[in-house]
Amino acid sequence: MSARYVVTGTDTGIGKTVFSAALTAALDGFYWKPIQSGLDDETDSQTVARLGGLAQNRILPELWRLRTPASPHIAAEIDGASIHPDAIDPPAVDGPLVIEGAGGLMVPLTPDRLFIEVFARWGHRVILCARTRLGTINHTLLSIEALRSRQIPVLGVAFIGEPEEHVEETIVHLGRVRRLGRMPFLTDPNPSTLARAFHDHFDLSIFEPESRP
């Protein structure tokens, strides 16, 4: 089976879609966002295709496309849709697959089911994206604890933002987790600048199938 990576975050809007674009392009892989909430602006799949410079066949279609920009369980209720968590299974592809979650780990898909429960059923390695802003130590350590309490393998933490050496070191030490790298803010994000930033700040060998947390 080709390598599969689940990209999640400590919160919504922290840059995990940009990181997903960079990782998918670097791996020459495929991208899949099972649930998209909010269709008025550019969707996450469209953003990944644009920033990663990816062909359309590298972007797999969402299972649910919800108009309302809200938590999936709320958006589905407003839109009159039904999300079935047990039907969310990664598609088979001929190459690495990057799967992006919705918001953070504890985002509800239905009134009774959380996205982290789907991740636990899959058992694929998780990449946790964390901003280097104030509060990230607490949010990141809580997320790591939630993953490990469900026996979900954690590949490591990808930091996003300006360098904060002490913050990053604290998370790595207390969380007993690998630091994958740090994606800086880009003033002109495009396929070229994103690829260069990933190359300069991440070791691609960490993401090879034989690499283990």
N, C-alpha and C. Protein backbone atom coordinates (compact mmCIF):
# COMPACT_ATOMS: atom_id res chain seq x y z
N MET A 1 0.84 -1.19 0.00
CA MET A 1 0.00 0.00 0.00
C MET A 1 0.88 1.25 0.00
N SER A 2 0.50 2.25 -0.78
CA SER A 2 1.24 3.51 -0.81
C SER A 2 1.08 4.24 0.52
N ALA A 3 2.05 5.11 0.80
CA ALA A 3 2.03 5.86 2.05
C ALA A 3 0.82 6.77 2.12
N ARG A 4 0.25 6.86 3.31
CA ARG A 4 -0.88 7.74 3.56
C ARG A 4 -0.57 8.61 4.78
N TYR A 5 -0.87 9.88 4.66
CA TYR A 5 -0.60 10.83 5.73
C TYR A 5 -1.87 11.62 6.02
N VAL A 6 -2.23 11.73 7.29
CA VAL A 6 -3.37 12.53 7.70
C VAL A 6 -2.83 13.85 8.24
N VAL A 7 -3.24 14.94 7.63
CA VAL A 7 -2.82 16.27 8.08
C VAL A 7 -3.97 16.90 8.85
N THR A 8 -3.71 17.20 10.11
CA THR A 8 -4.70 17.86 10.94
C THR A 8 -4.03 19.03 11.64
N GLY A 9 -4.80 19.77 12.42
CA GLY A 9 -4.25 20.95 13.07
C GLY A 9 -4.74 21.10 14.49
N THR A 10 -4.11 22.03 15.20
CA THR A 10 -4.53 22.33 16.55
C THR A 10 -5.79 23.19 16.56
N ASP A 11 -6.14 23.74 15.40
CA ASP A 11 -7.30 24.62 15.28
C ASP A 11 -7.55 24.83 13.79
N THR A 12 -8.60 25.58 13.48
CA THR A 12 -8.87 25.88 12.09
C THR A 12 -8.14 27.16 11.67
N GLY A 13 -7.86 27.29 10.39
CA GLY A 13 -7.23 28.50 9.88
C GLY A 13 -5.80 28.71 10.29
N ILE A 14 -5.05 27.62 10.52
CA ILE A 14 -3.66 27.77 10.98
C ILE A 14 -2.64 27.53 9.87
N GLY A 15 -3.11 27.12 8.68
CA GLY A 15 -2.19 26.92 7.57
C GLY A 15 -1.99 25.48 7.15
N LYS A 16 -2.83 24.57 7.64
CA LYS A 16 -2.62 23.16 7.29
C LYS A 16 -2.92 22.87 5.82
N THR A 17 -3.78 23.67 5.20
CA THR A 17 -4.05 23.48 3.77
C THR A 17 -2.82 23.86 2.95
N VAL A 18 -2.15 24.94 3.32
CA VAL A 18 -0.93 25.34 2.63
C VAL A 18 0.15 24.27 2.81
N PHE A 19 0.27 23.76 4.04
CA PHE A 19 1.23 22.68 4.27
C PHE A 19 0.86 21.44 3.46
N SER A 20 -0.41 21.12 3.39
CA SER A 20 -0.86 19.95 2.61
C SER A 20 -0.49 20.10 1.15
N ALA A 21 -0.62 21.33 0.62
CA ALA A 21 -0.25 21.57 -0.77
C ALA A 21 1.24 21.34 -0.97
N ALA A 22 2.05 21.83 -0.04
CA ALA A 22 3.50 21.68 -0.16
C ALA A 22 3.90 20.21 -0.06
N LEU A 23 3.30 19.49 0.88
CA LEU A 23 3.65 18.08 1.07
C LEU A 23 3.22 17.24 -0.13
N THR A 24 2.01 17.46 -0.61
CA THR A 24 1.52 16.69 -1.76
C THR A 24 2.41 16.90 -2.97
N ALA A 25 2.80 18.15 -3.21
CA ALA A 25 3.67 18.44 -4.35
C ALA A 25 5.04 17.81 -4.17
N ALA A 26 5.60 17.91 -2.95
CA ALA A 26 6.93 17.36 -2.70
C ALA A 26 6.95 15.85 -2.86
N LEU A 27 5.85 15.19 -2.49
CA LEU A 27 5.76 13.73 -2.60
C LEU A 27 5.32 13.28 -4.00
N ASP A 28 4.94 14.26 -4.85
CA ASP A 28 4.35 13.93 -6.15
C ASP A 28 3.16 12.99 -5.92
N GLY A 29 2.33 13.37 -4.97
CA GLY A 29 1.24 12.50 -4.53
C GLY A 29 -0.14 13.00 -4.90
N PHE A 30 -1.11 12.50 -4.15
CA PHE A 30 -2.52 12.83 -4.33
C PHE A 30 -3.03 13.50 -3.06
N TYR A 31 -4.07 14.32 -3.23
CA TYR A 31 -4.65 15.05 -2.09
C TYR A 31 -6.13 14.73 -2.01
N TRP A 32 -6.59 14.57 -0.75
CA TRP A 32 -8.01 14.27 -0.53
C TRP A 32 -8.52 14.98 0.71
N LYS A 33 -9.57 15.74 0.54
CA LYS A 33 -10.27 16.38 1.65
C LYS A 33 -11.66 15.75 1.70
N PRO A 34 -11.93 14.84 2.62
CA PRO A 34 -13.21 14.12 2.61
C PRO A 34 -14.42 15.02 2.73
N ILE A 35 -14.32 16.09 3.56
CA ILE A 35 -15.47 16.95 3.82
C ILE A 35 -15.05 18.40 3.67
N GLN A 36 -15.76 19.12 2.81
CA GLN A 36 -15.52 20.55 2.61
C GLN A 36 -16.73 21.33 3.10
N SER A 37 -16.51 22.21 4.08
CA SER A 37 -17.57 23.08 4.58
C SER A 37 -17.30 24.50 4.10
N GLY A 38 -18.21 25.05 3.31
CA GLY A 38 -18.04 26.39 2.76
C GLY A 38 -17.61 26.32 1.31
N LEU A 39 -18.47 26.84 0.43
CA LEU A 39 -18.20 26.76 -1.01
C LEU A 39 -18.17 28.12 -1.69
N ASP A 40 -18.41 29.20 -0.95
CA ASP A 40 -18.48 30.52 -1.57
C ASP A 40 -17.10 30.99 -2.05
N ASP A 41 -16.06 30.69 -1.27
CA ASP A 41 -14.71 31.08 -1.65
C ASP A 41 -13.97 29.88 -2.22
N GLU A 42 -12.69 30.04 -2.45
CA GLU A 42 -11.87 28.94 -2.94
C GLU A 42 -11.89 27.80 -1.93
N THR A 43 -12.18 26.60 -2.37
CA THR A 43 -12.19 25.46 -1.47
C THR A 43 -10.76 25.02 -1.16
N ASP A 44 -10.61 24.18 -0.15
CA ASP A 44 -9.28 23.70 0.20
C ASP A 44 -8.67 22.90 -0.95
N SER A 45 -9.48 22.10 -1.62
CA SER A 45 -8.97 21.32 -2.75
C SER A 45 -8.47 22.24 -3.86
N GLN A 46 -9.19 23.32 -4.12
CA GLN A 46 -8.76 24.27 -5.14
C GLN A 46 -7.48 24.99 -4.73
N THR A 47 -7.38 25.31 -3.43
CA THR A 47 -6.18 25.97 -2.93
C THR A 47 -4.96 25.06 -3.08
N VAL A 48 -5.12 23.78 -2.73
CA VAL A 48 -4.02 22.84 -2.84
C VAL A 48 -3.59 22.68 -4.29
N ALA A 49 -4.55 22.58 -5.19
CA ALA A 49 -4.22 22.45 -6.61
C ALA A 49 -3.45 23.67 -7.11
N ARG A 50 -3.90 24.86 -6.69
CA ARG A 50 -3.26 26.10 -7.15
C ARG A 50 -1.87 26.26 -6.56
N LEU A 51 -1.75 26.14 -5.24
CA LEU A 51 -0.46 26.38 -4.60
C LEU A 51 0.54 25.25 -4.85
N GLY A 52 0.02 24.03 -5.00
CA GLY A 52 0.91 22.91 -5.25
C GLY A 52 1.26 22.73 -6.72
N GLY A 53 0.57 23.46 -7.59
CA GLY A 53 0.79 23.28 -9.02
C GLY A 53 0.45 21.87 -9.46
N LEU A 54 -0.64 21.33 -8.91
CA LEU A 54 -1.00 19.93 -9.12
C LEU A 54 -2.02 19.77 -10.24
N ALA A 55 -1.85 18.72 -11.02
CA ALA A 55 -2.84 18.40 -12.05
C ALA A 55 -4.15 18.00 -11.39
N GLN A 56 -5.24 18.20 -12.10
CA GLN A 56 -6.54 17.95 -11.51
C GLN A 56 -6.73 16.50 -11.10
N ASN A 57 -6.10 15.58 -11.80
CA ASN A 57 -6.27 14.17 -11.42
C ASN A 57 -5.55 13.82 -10.12
N ARG A 58 -4.75 14.76 -9.59
CA ARG A 58 -4.10 14.56 -8.30
C ARG A 58 -4.98 15.00 -7.14
N ILE A 59 -6.08 15.67 -7.45
CA ILE A 59 -7.01 16.15 -6.43
C ILE A 59 -8.24 15.27 -6.45
N LEU A 60 -8.44 14.50 -5.41
CA LEU A 60 -9.56 13.57 -5.36
C LEU A 60 -10.82 14.28 -4.87
N PRO A 61 -11.97 13.92 -5.41
CA PRO A 61 -13.20 14.63 -5.06
C PRO A 61 -13.62 14.40 -3.61
N GLU A 62 -14.20 15.42 -3.01
CA GLU A 62 -14.71 15.31 -1.65
C GLU A 62 -15.92 14.37 -1.62
N LEU A 63 -16.13 13.75 -0.47
CA LEU A 63 -17.34 12.94 -0.27
C LEU A 63 -18.55 13.82 0.01
N TRP A 64 -18.32 14.91 0.76
CA TRP A 64 -19.39 15.86 1.06
C TRP A 64 -18.89 17.26 0.81
N ARG A 65 -19.68 18.02 0.05
CA ARG A 65 -19.42 19.43 -0.21
C ARG A 65 -20.59 20.22 0.38
N LEU A 66 -20.32 20.89 1.49
CA LEU A 66 -21.37 21.58 2.24
C LEU A 66 -21.26 23.08 2.02
N ARG A 67 -22.37 23.72 1.73
CA ARG A 67 -22.35 25.15 1.42
C ARG A 67 -22.00 26.01 2.63
N THR A 68 -22.48 25.62 3.79
CA THR A 68 -22.34 26.45 4.98
C THR A 68 -20.94 26.34 5.58
N PRO A 69 -20.26 27.48 5.81
CA PRO A 69 -18.92 27.44 6.41
C PRO A 69 -19.02 27.29 7.92
N ALA A 70 -19.11 26.07 8.38
CA ALA A 70 -19.26 25.78 9.81
C ALA A 70 -18.74 24.38 10.08
N SER A 71 -18.76 24.00 11.35
CA SER A 71 -18.41 22.62 11.71
C SER A 71 -19.26 21.67 10.88
N PRO A 72 -18.68 20.56 10.39
CA PRO A 72 -19.42 19.68 9.49
C PRO A 72 -20.80 19.26 9.99
N HIS A 73 -20.93 18.97 11.28
CA HIS A 73 -22.24 18.52 11.77
C HIS A 73 -23.27 19.63 11.72
N ILE A 74 -22.83 20.87 11.92
CA ILE A 74 -23.74 22.02 11.83
C ILE A 74 -24.04 22.33 10.37
N ALA A 75 -23.00 22.34 9.54
CA ALA A 75 -23.18 22.63 8.11
C ALA A 75 -24.10 21.60 7.46
N ALA A 76 -23.93 20.33 7.83
CA ALA A 76 -24.77 19.28 7.25
C ALA A 76 -26.23 19.47 7.64
N GLU A 77 -26.47 19.84 8.89
CA GLU A 77 -27.85 20.06 9.33
C GLU A 77 -28.49 21.22 8.59
N ILE A 78 -27.75 22.30 8.44
CA ILE A 78 -28.28 23.48 7.74
C ILE A 78 -28.53 23.16 6.27
N ASP A 79 -27.62 22.39 5.67
CA ASP A 79 -27.73 22.08 4.23
C ASP A 79 -28.67 20.93 3.94
N GLY A 80 -29.15 20.27 4.98
CA GLY A 80 -30.02 19.12 4.76
C GLY A 80 -29.29 17.89 4.27
N ALA A 81 -28.03 17.74 4.69
CA ALA A 81 -27.22 16.59 4.27
C ALA A 81 -26.99 15.67 5.46
N SER A 82 -26.55 14.45 5.17
CA SER A 82 -26.24 13.47 6.21
C SER A 82 -24.83 12.95 5.99
N ILE A 83 -23.98 13.12 6.99
CA ILE A 83 -22.61 12.61 6.93
C ILE A 83 -22.57 11.24 7.60
N HIS A 84 -21.94 10.30 6.94
CA HIS A 84 -21.84 8.93 7.47
C HIS A 84 -20.36 8.64 7.74
N PRO A 85 -19.89 8.81 8.98
CA PRO A 85 -18.47 8.65 9.29
C PRO A 85 -17.91 7.28 8.91
N ASP A 86 -18.70 6.22 9.04
CA ASP A 86 -18.19 4.89 8.72
C ASP A 86 -17.98 4.69 7.23
N ALA A 87 -18.50 5.60 6.41
CA ALA A 87 -18.32 5.51 4.96
C ALA A 87 -17.10 6.29 4.49
N ILE A 88 -16.40 6.93 5.41
CA ILE A 88 -15.22 7.72 5.05
C ILE A 88 -13.99 6.82 5.08
N ASP A 89 -13.59 6.36 3.92
CA ASP A 89 -12.42 5.50 3.77
C ASP A 89 -11.51 6.05 2.69
N PRO A 90 -10.21 6.14 2.96
CA PRO A 90 -9.28 6.67 1.96
C PRO A 90 -9.35 5.88 0.66
N PRO A 91 -9.44 6.56 -0.47
CA PRO A 91 -9.47 5.86 -1.76
C PRO A 91 -8.11 5.28 -2.11
N ALA A 92 -8.13 4.24 -2.91
CA ALA A 92 -6.89 3.64 -3.39
C ALA A 92 -6.31 4.48 -4.51
N VAL A 93 -5.04 4.84 -4.40
CA VAL A 93 -4.36 5.62 -5.42
C VAL A 93 -2.98 5.03 -5.65
N ASP A 94 -2.42 5.33 -6.80
CA ASP A 94 -1.10 4.82 -7.17
C ASP A 94 -0.04 5.85 -6.79
N GLY A 95 0.16 5.98 -5.49
CA GLY A 95 1.14 6.94 -5.02
C GLY A 95 0.79 7.42 -3.62
N PRO A 96 1.61 8.28 -3.03
CA PRO A 96 1.34 8.80 -1.69
C PRO A 96 0.03 9.59 -1.67
N LEU A 97 -0.67 9.49 -0.55
CA LEU A 97 -1.95 10.19 -0.40
C LEU A 97 -1.89 11.07 0.84
N VAL A 98 -2.18 12.36 0.65
CA VAL A 98 -2.26 13.31 1.75
C VAL A 98 -3.74 13.60 2.01
N ILE A 99 -4.17 13.31 3.23
CA ILE A 99 -5.58 13.49 3.61
C ILE A 99 -5.66 14.63 4.60
N GLU A 100 -6.47 15.62 4.29
CA GLU A 100 -6.62 16.77 5.19
C GLU A 100 -7.95 16.70 5.93
N GLY A 101 -7.88 16.81 7.24
CA GLY A 101 -9.08 16.83 8.05
C GLY A 101 -9.76 18.19 8.01
N ALA A 102 -10.81 18.32 8.78
CA ALA A 102 -11.57 19.58 8.86
C ALA A 102 -11.33 20.20 10.23
N GLY A 103 -10.67 21.36 10.27
CA GLY A 103 -10.41 21.99 11.55
C GLY A 103 -9.46 21.17 12.40
N GLY A 104 -9.80 21.03 13.69
CA GLY A 104 -8.97 20.26 14.60
C GLY A 104 -9.45 18.84 14.77
N LEU A 105 -8.83 18.15 15.70
CA LEU A 105 -9.10 16.72 15.90
C LEU A 105 -10.51 16.45 16.41
N MET A 106 -11.03 17.33 17.28
CA MET A 106 -12.30 17.08 17.93
C MET A 106 -13.49 17.69 17.19
N VAL A 107 -13.31 17.98 15.92
CA VAL A 107 -14.42 18.52 15.13
C VAL A 107 -15.49 17.44 14.97
N PRO A 108 -16.75 17.75 15.32
CA PRO A 108 -17.82 16.76 15.15
C PRO A 108 -18.23 16.63 13.68
N LEU A 109 -18.38 15.38 13.25
CA LEU A 109 -18.92 15.10 11.92
C LEU A 109 -20.43 14.93 11.98
N THR A 110 -20.89 14.39 13.09
CA THR A 110 -22.31 14.25 13.38
C THR A 110 -22.47 14.67 14.85
N PRO A 111 -23.68 14.77 15.37
CA PRO A 111 -23.84 15.12 16.78
C PRO A 111 -23.17 14.12 17.72
N ASP A 112 -22.85 12.92 17.24
CA ASP A 112 -22.31 11.87 18.12
C ASP A 112 -20.93 11.37 17.73
N ARG A 113 -20.35 11.84 16.61
CA ARG A 113 -19.09 11.29 16.14
C ARG A 113 -18.10 12.41 15.84
N LEU A 114 -16.84 12.17 16.24
CA LEU A 114 -15.77 13.13 16.02
C LEU A 114 -14.85 12.66 14.90
N PHE A 115 -14.16 13.62 14.27
CA PHE A 115 -13.24 13.26 13.19
C PHE A 115 -12.10 12.38 13.72
N ILE A 116 -11.65 12.61 14.96
CA ILE A 116 -10.56 11.83 15.51
C ILE A 116 -10.91 10.34 15.58
N GLU A 117 -12.20 10.02 15.70
CA GLU A 117 -12.63 8.62 15.73
C GLU A 117 -12.41 7.96 14.37
N VAL A 118 -12.58 8.72 13.31
CA VAL A 118 -12.31 8.22 11.96
C VAL A 118 -10.80 8.00 11.80
N PHE A 119 -10.00 8.95 12.29
CA PHE A 119 -8.54 8.79 12.22
C PHE A 119 -8.10 7.53 12.96
N ALA A 120 -8.70 7.27 14.11
CA ALA A 120 -8.34 6.09 14.89
C ALA A 120 -8.69 4.82 14.13
N ARG A 121 -9.81 4.81 13.45
CA ARG A 121 -10.20 3.63 12.67
C ARG A 121 -9.22 3.39 11.53
N TRP A 122 -8.77 4.45 10.88
CA TRP A 122 -7.81 4.29 9.79
C TRP A 122 -6.46 3.79 10.29
N GLY A 123 -5.95 4.40 11.34
CA GLY A 123 -4.63 4.02 11.85
C GLY A 123 -3.47 4.57 11.06
N HIS A 124 -3.70 5.55 10.20
CA HIS A 124 -2.61 6.13 9.41
C HIS A 124 -1.86 7.18 10.24
N ARG A 125 -0.60 7.42 9.87
CA ARG A 125 0.21 8.39 10.59
C ARG A 125 -0.34 9.80 10.43
N VAL A 126 -0.33 10.53 11.54
CA VAL A 126 -0.87 11.88 11.58
C VAL A 126 0.26 12.90 11.65
N ILE A 127 0.12 13.95 10.84
CA ILE A 127 0.99 15.11 10.92
C ILE A 127 0.17 16.23 11.56
N LEU A 128 0.64 16.72 12.69
CA LEU A 128 -0.09 17.76 13.42
C LEU A 128 0.52 19.12 13.09
N CYS A 129 -0.28 19.99 12.48
CA CYS A 129 0.17 21.34 12.16
C CYS A 129 -0.14 22.26 13.33
N ALA A 130 0.84 23.09 13.70
CA ALA A 130 0.68 23.99 14.85
C ALA A 130 1.29 25.34 14.53
N ARG A 131 0.53 26.40 14.76
CA ARG A 131 1.08 27.74 14.59
C ARG A 131 2.02 28.05 15.74
N THR A 132 3.02 28.89 15.49
CA THR A 132 4.00 29.24 16.51
C THR A 132 3.57 30.46 17.33
N ARG A 133 2.27 30.72 17.39
CA ARG A 133 1.77 31.88 18.12
C ARG A 133 1.49 31.51 19.58
N LEU A 134 1.16 32.53 20.37
CA LEU A 134 0.86 32.33 21.78
C LEU A 134 -0.31 31.35 21.95
N GLY A 135 -0.14 30.41 22.87
CA GLY A 135 -1.18 29.43 23.13
C GLY A 135 -0.95 28.10 22.45
N THR A 136 0.03 28.05 21.56
CA THR A 136 0.22 26.82 20.78
C THR A 136 0.76 25.67 21.61
N ILE A 137 1.48 25.96 22.69
CA ILE A 137 2.00 24.86 23.52
C ILE A 137 0.84 24.06 24.10
N ASN A 138 -0.10 24.75 24.71
CA ASN A 138 -1.26 24.08 25.29
C ASN A 138 -2.06 23.32 24.24
N HIS A 139 -2.38 23.98 23.14
CA HIS A 139 -3.20 23.36 22.10
C HIS A 139 -2.51 22.14 21.49
N THR A 140 -1.22 22.26 21.27
CA THR A 140 -0.49 21.16 20.63
C THR A 140 -0.34 19.97 21.55
N LEU A 141 0.02 20.21 22.81
CA LEU A 141 0.17 19.10 23.75
C LEU A 141 -1.15 18.39 24.00
N LEU A 142 -2.25 19.14 24.06
CA LEU A 142 -3.57 18.51 24.21
C LEU A 142 -3.90 17.65 22.99
N SER A 143 -3.56 18.14 21.81
CA SER A 143 -3.84 17.38 20.59
C SER A 143 -3.01 16.10 20.55
N ILE A 144 -1.74 16.20 20.93
CA ILE A 144 -0.89 15.00 20.97
C ILE A 144 -1.44 13.98 21.95
N GLU A 145 -1.87 14.46 23.11
CA GLU A 145 -2.44 13.56 24.12
C GLU A 145 -3.70 12.88 23.61
N ALA A 146 -4.55 13.63 22.90
CA ALA A 146 -5.78 13.06 22.36
C ALA A 146 -5.47 11.98 21.32
N LEU A 147 -4.47 12.20 20.49
CA LEU A 147 -4.08 11.21 19.49
C LEU A 147 -3.54 9.94 20.14
N ARG A 148 -2.65 10.12 21.09
CA ARG A 148 -2.02 8.95 21.71
C ARG A 148 -3.00 8.16 22.57
N SER A 149 -3.96 8.85 23.18
CA SER A 149 -4.93 8.12 24.00
C SER A 149 -5.79 7.19 23.16
N ARG A 150 -5.82 7.44 21.84
CA ARG A 150 -6.59 6.59 20.92
C ARG A 150 -5.67 5.72 20.08
N GLN A 151 -4.40 5.63 20.46
CA GLN A 151 -3.40 4.81 19.78
C GLN A 151 -3.25 5.19 18.30
N ILE A 152 -3.36 6.48 18.01
CA ILE A 152 -3.16 6.97 16.64
C ILE A 152 -1.69 7.35 16.48
N PRO A 153 -0.99 6.79 15.50
CA PRO A 153 0.43 7.11 15.34
C PRO A 153 0.65 8.56 14.93
N VAL A 154 1.59 9.22 15.56
CA VAL A 154 1.91 10.62 15.28
C VAL A 154 3.27 10.68 14.59
N LEU A 155 3.29 11.11 13.35
CA LEU A 155 4.56 11.23 12.64
C LEU A 155 5.36 12.39 13.22
N GLY A 156 4.70 13.48 13.55
CA GLY A 156 5.39 14.62 14.13
C GLY A 156 4.58 15.89 13.99
N VAL A 157 5.21 16.98 14.40
CA VAL A 157 4.56 18.30 14.36
C VAL A 157 5.22 19.15 13.28
N ALA A 158 4.39 19.75 12.44
CA ALA A 158 4.86 20.72 11.46
C ALA A 158 4.45 22.10 11.95
N PHE A 159 5.44 22.91 12.29
CA PHE A 159 5.15 24.25 12.79
C PHE A 159 4.92 25.20 11.61
N ILE A 160 4.10 26.21 11.85
CA ILE A 160 3.77 27.17 10.80
C ILE A 160 3.83 28.57 11.39
N GLY A 161 4.64 29.43 10.79
CA GLY A 161 4.74 30.81 11.26
C GLY A 161 6.18 31.24 11.47
N GLU A 162 6.33 32.31 12.23
CA GLU A 162 7.66 32.83 12.52
C GLU A 162 8.39 31.91 13.49
N PRO A 163 9.72 31.87 13.44
CA PRO A 163 10.46 30.97 14.33
C PRO A 163 10.28 31.35 15.80
N GLU A 164 9.98 30.34 16.61
CA GLU A 164 9.86 30.49 18.07
C GLU A 164 10.58 29.29 18.68
N GLU A 165 11.88 29.41 18.81
CA GLU A 165 12.72 28.28 19.19
C GLU A 165 12.29 27.65 20.51
N HIS A 166 12.06 28.47 21.53
CA HIS A 166 11.72 27.91 22.84
C HIS A 166 10.36 27.23 22.82
N VAL A 167 9.42 27.80 22.10
CA VAL A 167 8.09 27.20 21.98
C VAL A 167 8.19 25.84 21.31
N GLU A 168 8.90 25.78 20.21
CA GLU A 168 9.03 24.52 19.46
C GLU A 168 9.76 23.47 20.29
N GLU A 169 10.83 23.88 20.96
CA GLU A 169 11.59 22.94 21.78
C GLU A 169 10.74 22.40 22.93
N THR A 170 9.91 23.26 23.52
CA THR A 170 9.06 22.83 24.63
C THR A 170 8.05 21.78 24.17
N ILE A 171 7.45 22.00 23.02
CA ILE A 171 6.47 21.04 22.50
C ILE A 171 7.14 19.71 22.18
N VAL A 172 8.29 19.78 21.53
CA VAL A 172 9.01 18.55 21.16
C VAL A 172 9.41 17.76 22.41
N HIS A 173 9.89 18.48 23.44
CA HIS A 173 10.36 17.81 24.66
C HIS A 173 9.19 17.25 25.48
N LEU A 174 8.22 18.08 25.80
CA LEU A 174 7.12 17.63 26.65
C LEU A 174 6.18 16.68 25.91
N GLY A 175 6.04 16.89 24.62
CA GLY A 175 5.16 16.02 23.85
C GLY A 175 5.83 14.75 23.36
N ARG A 176 7.16 14.67 23.56
CA ARG A 176 7.93 13.49 23.10
C ARG A 176 7.57 13.20 21.64
N VAL A 177 7.72 14.23 20.83
CA VAL A 177 7.28 14.16 19.45
C VAL A 177 8.37 14.70 18.53
N ARG A 178 8.35 14.26 17.31
CA ARG A 178 9.35 14.70 16.32
C ARG A 178 8.96 16.07 15.76
N ARG A 179 9.95 16.93 15.62
CA ARG A 179 9.77 18.21 14.93
C ARG A 179 10.02 17.97 13.45
N LEU A 180 9.00 18.11 12.64
CA LEU A 180 9.14 17.84 11.21
C LEU A 180 9.77 19.01 10.47
N GLY A 181 9.57 20.23 10.98
CA GLY A 181 10.07 21.42 10.32
C GLY A 181 9.14 22.58 10.59
N ARG A 182 9.42 23.70 9.95
CA ARG A 182 8.59 24.89 10.12
C ARG A 182 8.35 25.56 8.78
N MET A 183 7.08 25.74 8.45
CA MET A 183 6.72 26.45 7.23
C MET A 183 6.58 27.93 7.53
N PRO A 184 7.42 28.79 6.96
CA PRO A 184 7.31 30.23 7.23
C PRO A 184 6.12 30.84 6.49
N PHE A 185 5.68 31.99 6.96
CA PHE A 185 4.67 32.73 6.22
C PHE A 185 5.27 33.20 4.89
N LEU A 186 4.50 33.08 3.82
CA LEU A 186 4.97 33.48 2.49
C LEU A 186 4.21 34.72 2.04
N THR A 187 4.95 35.75 1.65
CA THR A 187 4.30 36.97 1.17
C THR A 187 3.71 36.79 -0.21
N ASP A 188 4.28 35.88 -0.99
CA ASP A 188 3.78 35.61 -2.34
C ASP A 188 3.67 34.10 -2.54
N PRO A 189 2.65 33.48 -1.93
CA PRO A 189 2.54 32.02 -2.05
C PRO A 189 2.16 31.60 -3.47
N ASN A 190 2.97 30.76 -4.05
CA ASN A 190 2.71 30.19 -5.37
C ASN A 190 3.48 28.87 -5.44
N PRO A 191 3.29 28.07 -6.48
CA PRO A 191 3.97 26.77 -6.52
C PRO A 191 5.48 26.85 -6.34
N SER A 192 6.11 27.87 -6.88
CA SER A 192 7.56 27.98 -6.79
C SER A 192 8.02 28.34 -5.39
N THR A 193 7.42 29.39 -4.80
CA THR A 193 7.85 29.82 -3.47
C THR A 193 7.49 28.78 -2.41
N LEU A 194 6.36 28.09 -2.60
CA LEU A 194 5.97 27.07 -1.63
C LEU A 194 6.91 25.86 -1.70
N ALA A 195 7.26 25.45 -2.90
CA ALA A 195 8.18 24.32 -3.05
C ALA A 195 9.54 24.66 -2.45
N ARG A 196 10.00 25.88 -2.65
CA ARG A 196 11.29 26.29 -2.10
C ARG A 196 11.25 26.32 -0.58
N ALA A 197 10.16 26.83 -0.02
CA ALA A 197 10.04 26.90 1.44
C ALA A 197 10.02 25.50 2.05
N PHE A 198 9.32 24.58 1.43
CA PHE A 198 9.28 23.21 1.94
C PHE A 198 10.67 22.58 1.86
N HIS A 199 11.34 22.76 0.73
CA HIS A 199 12.68 22.20 0.54
C HIS A 199 13.65 22.74 1.57
N ASP A 200 13.54 24.03 1.88
CA ASP A 200 14.48 24.68 2.79
C ASP A 200 14.22 24.34 4.26
N HIS A 201 13.01 23.97 4.60
CA HIS A 201 12.64 23.85 6.01
C HIS A 201 12.21 22.45 6.43
N PHE A 202 12.12 21.51 5.49
CA PHE A 202 11.70 20.15 5.82
C PHE A 202 12.64 19.15 5.15
N ASP A 203 12.82 18.02 5.80
CA ASP A 203 13.60 16.91 5.25
C ASP A 203 12.62 15.91 4.66
N LEU A 204 12.58 15.81 3.35
CA LEU A 204 11.59 14.96 2.69
C LEU A 204 11.75 13.49 3.08
N SER A 205 12.97 13.08 3.46
CA SER A 205 13.17 11.68 3.81
C SER A 205 12.34 11.26 5.03
N ILE A 206 11.97 12.21 5.87
CA ILE A 206 11.13 11.90 7.04
C ILE A 206 9.78 11.34 6.61
N PHE A 207 9.33 11.76 5.44
CA PHE A 207 8.01 11.39 4.96
C PHE A 207 8.02 10.15 4.08
N GLU A 208 9.16 9.53 3.95
CA GLU A 208 9.22 8.31 3.16
C GLU A 208 8.48 7.19 3.88
N PRO A 209 7.94 6.20 3.13
CA PRO A 209 7.14 5.13 3.76
C PRO A 209 7.86 4.39 4.87
N GLU A 210 9.19 4.24 4.77
CA GLU A 210 9.88 3.44 5.78
C GLU A 210 10.14 4.23 7.05
N SER A 211 9.93 5.57 7.02
CA SER A 211 10.14 6.38 8.20
C SER A 211 9.03 6.13 9.20
N ARG A 212 9.35 6.03 10.47
CA ARG A 212 8.38 5.74 11.51
C ARG A 212 8.47 6.79 12.61
N PRO A 213 7.33 7.06 13.29
CA PRO A 213 7.37 8.05 14.36
C PRO A 213 8.29 7.61 15.50
